[in-house]
Amino acid sequence: MPRLPQTLLSTSLALGTLALGALAAGCTSSDTATCPDATGEVHLATQATTPDGLSLMLHQVGRQCPVVGDNTFHVYEVDAGDSGMADSGMAGMGDTGSASMVMITQVDATMPDMGHGSSQDPVIHSDDASAFDVYFQMAGSWQLALTLTVPDATAAQTVTFDLDVVDQ
């Protein structure tokens, strides 16, 4: 059996280690461990449903996954029958998705396994109440609890999104 050249073997082992490290960090196999920048918005493949049955999807702005440091998110309503994954010019935004119905009134970022929240208060955008900024001070499993109002709802709704935050 022929032997692989040492440089090829070393490169193959390094790439395999990088791929395993990215998977362990919560990234998919298409991500790198450093979570690359993205143009526009990326659907994070996470959806949540309010107690009144409204389905929401979470997008990351400018990155492919949440990272330690500053992050910007956008929440969209998913209309019935829309997976939220169709492409309509905005990465991951379905043709029937809508941000106009969602008004976020509070954001809580917590790390349940560690028993603490973010070291900085999340900020809801003043020009778009469906967008907000969150600072994550460490990698790991985080939860975003969003309190929001929507037309025709009986009261404010709260939804929770689970995120895996990676080192930048």
C-alpha atoms as a PDB file:
ATOM      1  CA  MET A   1       0.000   0.000   0.000  1.00  0.00           C
ATOM      2  CA  PRO A   2       1.478   3.388  -0.971  1.00  0.00           C
ATOM      3  CA  ARG A   3       2.280   5.818   1.829  1.00  0.00           C
ATOM      4  CA  LEU A   4       0.942   9.383   1.841  1.00  0.00           C
ATOM      5  CA  PRO A   5       3.562  12.134   1.775  1.00  0.00           C
ATOM      6  CA  GLN A   6       4.054  13.629   5.273  1.00  0.00           C
ATOM      7  CA  THR A   7       2.805  17.088   4.257  1.00  0.00           C
ATOM      8  CA  LEU A   8      -0.397  15.656   2.748  1.00  0.00           C
ATOM      9  CA  LEU A   9      -0.982  13.519   5.839  1.00  0.00           C
ATOM     10  CA  SER A  10      -0.398  16.498   8.174  1.00  0.00           C
ATOM     11  CA  THR A  11      -2.745  18.685   6.120  1.00  0.00           C
ATOM     12  CA  SER A  12      -5.456  16.001   6.152  1.00  0.00           C
ATOM     13  CA  LEU A  13      -5.168  15.583   9.920  1.00  0.00           C
ATOM     14  CA  ALA A  14      -5.285  19.342  10.491  1.00  0.00           C
ATOM     15  CA  LEU A  15      -8.402  19.730   8.312  1.00  0.00           C
ATOM     16  CA  GLY A  16     -10.092  16.843  10.106  1.00  0.00           C
ATOM     17  CA  THR A  17      -9.274  18.400  13.482  1.00  0.00           C
ATOM     18  CA  LEU A  18     -10.617  21.783  12.310  1.00  0.00           C
ATOM     19  CA  ALA A  19     -13.864  20.192  11.103  1.00  0.00           C
ATOM     20  CA  LEU A  20     -14.347  18.331  14.388  1.00  0.00           C
ATOM     21  CA  GLY A  21     -13.588  21.497  16.354  1.00  0.00           C
ATOM     22  CA  ALA A  22     -16.162  23.459  14.355  1.00  0.00           C
ATOM     23  CA  LEU A  23     -18.805  20.792  14.937  1.00  0.00           C
ATOM     24  CA  ALA A  24     -18.050  20.690  18.664  1.00  0.00           C
ATOM     25  CA  ALA A  25     -18.327  24.484  18.815  1.00  0.00           C
ATOM     26  CA  GLY A  26     -21.887  24.332  17.523  1.00  0.00           C
ATOM     27  CA  CYS A  27     -21.143  25.300  13.937  1.00  0.00           C
ATOM     28  CA  THR A  28     -22.391  23.256  11.017  1.00  0.00           C
ATOM     29  CA  SER A  29     -19.926  21.574   8.727  1.00  0.00           C
ATOM     30  CA  SER A  30     -20.202  24.504   6.273  1.00  0.00           C
ATOM     31  CA  ASP A  31     -19.075  27.017   8.924  1.00  0.00           C
ATOM     32  CA  THR A  32     -15.573  27.671  10.086  1.00  0.00           C
ATOM     33  CA  ALA A  33     -14.646  27.771  13.746  1.00  0.00           C
ATOM     34  CA  THR A  34     -14.326  31.557  13.461  1.00  0.00           C
ATOM     35  CA  CYS A  35     -17.873  32.016  12.070  1.00  0.00           C
ATOM     36  CA  PRO A  36     -17.354  33.965   8.848  1.00  0.00           C
ATOM     37  CA  ASP A  37     -18.977  37.263   8.004  1.00  0.00           C
ATOM     38  CA  ALA A  38     -22.056  37.179   5.787  1.00  0.00           C
ATOM     39  CA  THR A  39     -23.573  39.659   3.387  1.00  0.00           C
ATOM     40  CA  GLY A  40     -27.013  40.758   4.558  1.00  0.00           C
ATOM     41  CA  GLU A  41     -28.904  38.450   6.891  1.00  0.00           C
ATOM     42  CA  VAL A  42     -28.676  34.725   7.570  1.00  0.00           C
ATOM     43  CA  HIS A  43     -31.571  32.626   8.896  1.00  0.00           C
ATOM     44  CA  LEU A  44     -30.255  30.775  11.963  1.00  0.00           C
ATOM     45  CA  ALA A  45     -32.494  27.733  11.328  1.00  0.00           C
ATOM     46  CA  THR A  46     -34.315  28.434  14.562  1.00  0.00           C
ATOM     47  CA  GLN A  47     -37.981  29.218  14.912  1.00  0.00           C
ATOM     48  CA  ALA A  48     -40.192  29.820  17.936  1.00  0.00           C
ATOM     49  CA  THR A  49     -43.942  29.980  18.426  1.00  0.00           C
ATOM     50  CA  THR A  50     -45.747  32.411  20.724  1.00  0.00           C
ATOM     51  CA  PRO A  51     -48.511  31.204  23.077  1.00  0.00           C
ATOM     52  CA  ASP A  52     -51.040  32.661  20.576  1.00  0.00           C
ATOM     53  CA  GLY A  53     -49.548  30.528  17.777  1.00  0.00           C
ATOM     54  CA  LEU A  54     -47.472  33.143  15.926  1.00  0.00           C
ATOM     55  CA  SER A  55     -44.392  31.531  14.366  1.00  0.00           C
ATOM     56  CA  LEU A  56     -41.204  33.625  14.367  1.00  0.00           C
ATOM     57  CA  MET A  57     -37.762  33.127  12.846  1.00  0.00           C
ATOM     58  CA  LEU A  58     -34.458  34.628  13.955  1.00  0.00           C
ATOM     59  CA  HIS A  59     -31.909  36.075  11.536  1.00  0.00           C
ATOM     60  CA  GLN A  60     -28.308  37.073  12.264  1.00  0.00           C
ATOM     61  CA  VAL A  61     -27.148  40.256  10.534  1.00  0.00           C
ATOM     62  CA  GLY A  62     -23.669  40.228   8.994  1.00  0.00           C
ATOM     63  CA  ARG A  63     -22.533  36.825  10.348  1.00  0.00           C
ATOM     64  CA  GLN A  64     -23.295  33.169   9.789  1.00  0.00           C
ATOM     65  CA  CYS A  65     -23.691  32.352  13.497  1.00  0.00           C
ATOM     66  CA  PRO A  66     -23.679  34.121  16.883  1.00  0.00           C
ATOM     67  CA  VAL A  67     -20.202  34.994  18.160  1.00  0.00           C
ATOM     68  CA  VAL A  68     -18.582  36.268  21.334  1.00  0.00           C
ATOM     69  CA  GLY A  69     -18.913  40.052  21.167  1.00  0.00           C
ATOM     70  CA  ASP A  70     -21.525  42.243  19.494  1.00  0.00           C
ATOM     71  CA  ASN A  71     -24.306  40.610  17.451  1.00  0.00           C
ATOM     72  CA  THR A  72     -27.286  42.050  15.585  1.00  0.00           C
ATOM     73  CA  PHE A  73     -30.486  40.028  15.128  1.00  0.00           C
ATOM     74  CA  HIS A  74     -33.757  40.514  13.280  1.00  0.00           C
ATOM     75  CA  VAL A  75     -37.040  38.712  14.027  1.00  0.00           C
ATOM     76  CA  TYR A  76     -39.546  37.907  11.295  1.00  0.00           C
ATOM     77  CA  GLU A  77     -43.056  36.539  11.379  1.00  0.00           C
ATOM     78  CA  VAL A  78     -43.452  33.325   9.388  1.00  0.00           C
ATOM     79  CA  ASP A  79     -46.785  33.142   7.596  1.00  0.00           C
ATOM     80  CA  ALA A  80     -48.625  29.807   7.521  1.00  0.00           C
ATOM     81  CA  GLY A  81     -47.062  27.446   5.005  1.00  0.00           C
ATOM     82  CA  ASP A  82     -43.760  29.355   4.794  1.00  0.00           C
ATOM     83  CA  SER A  83     -40.706  27.465   5.949  1.00  0.00           C
ATOM     84  CA  GLY A  84     -38.762  30.718   6.248  1.00  0.00           C
ATOM     85  CA  MET A  85     -36.040  29.199   4.112  1.00  0.00           C
ATOM     86  CA  ALA A  86     -37.084  30.373   0.631  1.00  0.00           C
ATOM     87  CA  ASP A  87     -34.801  32.893  -1.058  1.00  0.00           C
ATOM     88  CA  SER A  88     -36.341  36.242  -1.957  1.00  0.00           C
ATOM     89  CA  GLY A  89     -33.210  38.340  -2.184  1.00  0.00           C
ATOM     90  CA  MET A  90     -32.577  38.273   1.566  1.00  0.00           C
ATOM     91  CA  ALA A  91     -30.667  35.182   2.683  1.00  0.00           C
ATOM     92  CA  GLY A  92     -33.091  32.843   4.411  1.00  0.00           C
ATOM     93  CA  MET A  93     -36.081  35.174   4.191  1.00  0.00           C
ATOM     94  CA  GLY A  94     -39.224  33.615   2.735  1.00  0.00           C
ATOM     95  CA  ASP A  95     -41.484  35.497   0.341  1.00  0.00           C
ATOM     96  CA  THR A  96     -44.195  35.675   2.981  1.00  0.00           C
ATOM     97  CA  GLY A  97     -42.008  36.552   5.969  1.00  0.00           C
ATOM     98  CA  SER A  98     -42.722  39.918   7.540  1.00  0.00           C
ATOM     99  CA  ALA A  99     -40.966  42.082  10.101  1.00  0.00           C
ATOM    100  CA  SER A 100     -43.610  44.790  10.175  1.00  0.00           C
ATOM    101  CA  MET A 101     -45.984  42.892  12.493  1.00  0.00           C
ATOM    102  CA  VAL A 102     -43.386  42.226  15.200  1.00  0.00           C
ATOM    103  CA  MET A 103     -42.487  44.864  17.807  1.00  0.00           C
ATOM    104  CA  ILE A 104     -39.949  43.729  20.375  1.00  0.00           C
ATOM    105  CA  THR A 105     -40.355  45.440  23.738  1.00  0.00           C
ATOM    106  CA  GLN A 106     -37.729  43.570  25.778  1.00  0.00           C
ATOM    107  CA  VAL A 107     -34.762  41.245  25.170  1.00  0.00           C
ATOM    108  CA  ASP A 108     -33.162  39.075  27.850  1.00  0.00           C
ATOM    109  CA  ALA A 109     -29.953  37.228  27.010  1.00  0.00           C
ATOM    110  CA  THR A 110     -29.067  34.480  29.490  1.00  0.00           C
ATOM    111  CA  MET A 111     -26.617  31.624  29.724  1.00  0.00           C
ATOM    112  CA  PRO A 112     -28.638  29.062  31.739  1.00  0.00           C
ATOM    113  CA  ASP A 113     -25.756  26.602  32.275  1.00  0.00           C
ATOM    114  CA  MET A 114     -23.653  29.343  33.844  1.00  0.00           C
ATOM    115  CA  GLY A 115     -26.458  31.147  35.692  1.00  0.00           C
ATOM    116  CA  HIS A 116     -25.826  34.633  34.277  1.00  0.00           C
ATOM    117  CA  GLY A 117     -26.909  37.025  31.584  1.00  0.00           C
ATOM    118  CA  SER A 118     -25.051  39.327  29.251  1.00  0.00           C
ATOM    119  CA  SER A 119     -22.671  41.830  30.768  1.00  0.00           C
ATOM    120  CA  GLN A 120     -24.309  44.525  28.613  1.00  0.00           C
ATOM    121  CA  ASP A 121     -28.015  45.251  28.212  1.00  0.00           C
ATOM    122  CA  PRO A 122     -29.416  44.261  24.796  1.00  0.00           C
ATOM    123  CA  VAL A 123     -30.523  47.233  22.682  1.00  0.00           C
ATOM    124  CA  ILE A 124     -33.683  47.277  20.558  1.00  0.00           C
ATOM    125  CA  HIS A 125     -33.237  49.390  17.423  1.00  0.00           C
ATOM    126  CA  SER A 126     -35.154  52.662  17.624  1.00  0.00           C
ATOM    127  CA  ASP A 127     -35.789  52.721  13.853  1.00  0.00           C
ATOM    128  CA  ASP A 128     -36.926  49.057  13.622  1.00  0.00           C
ATOM    129  CA  ALA A 129     -38.470  47.403  16.676  1.00  0.00           C
ATOM    130  CA  SER A 130     -37.970  43.940  15.145  1.00  0.00           C
ATOM    131  CA  ALA A 131     -34.162  44.291  15.279  1.00  0.00           C
ATOM    132  CA  PHE A 132     -31.844  44.289  18.288  1.00  0.00           C
ATOM    133  CA  ASP A 133     -28.202  44.068  19.364  1.00  0.00           C
ATOM    134  CA  VAL A 134     -26.849  41.609  21.940  1.00  0.00           C
ATOM    135  CA  TYR A 135     -23.379  41.265  23.461  1.00  0.00           C
ATOM    136  CA  PHE A 136     -22.248  37.732  24.393  1.00  0.00           C
ATOM    137  CA  GLN A 137     -19.189  37.755  26.660  1.00  0.00           C
ATOM    138  CA  MET A 138     -18.387  34.036  26.293  1.00  0.00           C
ATOM    139  CA  ALA A 139     -18.976  31.058  24.018  1.00  0.00           C
ATOM    140  CA  GLY A 140     -21.552  28.413  24.891  1.00  0.00           C
ATOM    141  CA  SER A 141     -25.315  27.850  25.020  1.00  0.00           C
ATOM    142  CA  TRP A 142     -27.364  31.043  25.347  1.00  0.00           C
ATOM    143  CA  GLN A 143     -31.072  31.827  25.360  1.00  0.00           C
ATOM    144  CA  LEU A 144     -32.719  34.933  23.981  1.00  0.00           C
ATOM    145  CA  ALA A 145     -36.118  35.609  25.570  1.00  0.00           C
ATOM    146  CA  LEU A 146     -38.024  38.191  23.548  1.00  0.00           C
ATOM    147  CA  THR A 147     -41.098  39.991  24.806  1.00  0.00           C
ATOM    148  CA  LEU A 148     -43.041  41.364  21.868  1.00  0.00           C
ATOM    149  CA  THR A 149     -46.357  42.750  20.792  1.00  0.00           C
ATOM    150  CA  VAL A 150     -48.228  41.816  17.660  1.00  0.00           C
ATOM    151  CA  PRO A 151     -51.564  43.060  16.296  1.00  0.00           C
ATOM    152  CA  ASP A 152     -54.616  41.059  17.393  1.00  0.00           C
ATOM    153  CA  ALA A 153     -52.749  39.453  20.307  1.00  0.00           C
ATOM    154  CA  THR A 154     -54.510  39.451  23.648  1.00  0.00           C
ATOM    155  CA  ALA A 155     -51.353  40.496  25.516  1.00  0.00           C
ATOM    156  CA  ALA A 156     -47.585  40.769  25.129  1.00  0.00           C
ATOM    157  CA  GLN A 157     -46.015  37.512  23.951  1.00  0.00           C
ATOM    158  CA  THR A 158     -42.736  35.938  25.070  1.00  0.00           C
ATOM    159  CA  VAL A 159     -40.682  33.568  22.931  1.00  0.00           C
ATOM    160  CA  THR A 160     -37.301  31.967  23.549  1.00  0.00           C
ATOM    161  CA  PHE A 161     -34.591  31.165  21.022  1.00  0.00           C
ATOM    162  CA  ASP A 162     -31.711  28.807  21.929  1.00  0.00           C
ATOM    163  CA  LEU A 163     -28.327  29.762  20.441  1.00  0.00           C
ATOM    164  CA  ASP A 164     -24.850  28.270  20.387  1.00  0.00           C
ATOM    165  CA  VAL A 165     -22.374  31.151  20.565  1.00  0.00           C
ATOM    166  CA  VAL A 166     -18.842  30.523  19.246  1.00  0.00           C
ATOM    167  CA  ASP A 167     -15.524  32.283  19.759  1.00  0.00           C
ATOM    168  CA  GLN A 168     -14.770  34.829  17.093  1.00  0.00           C
END
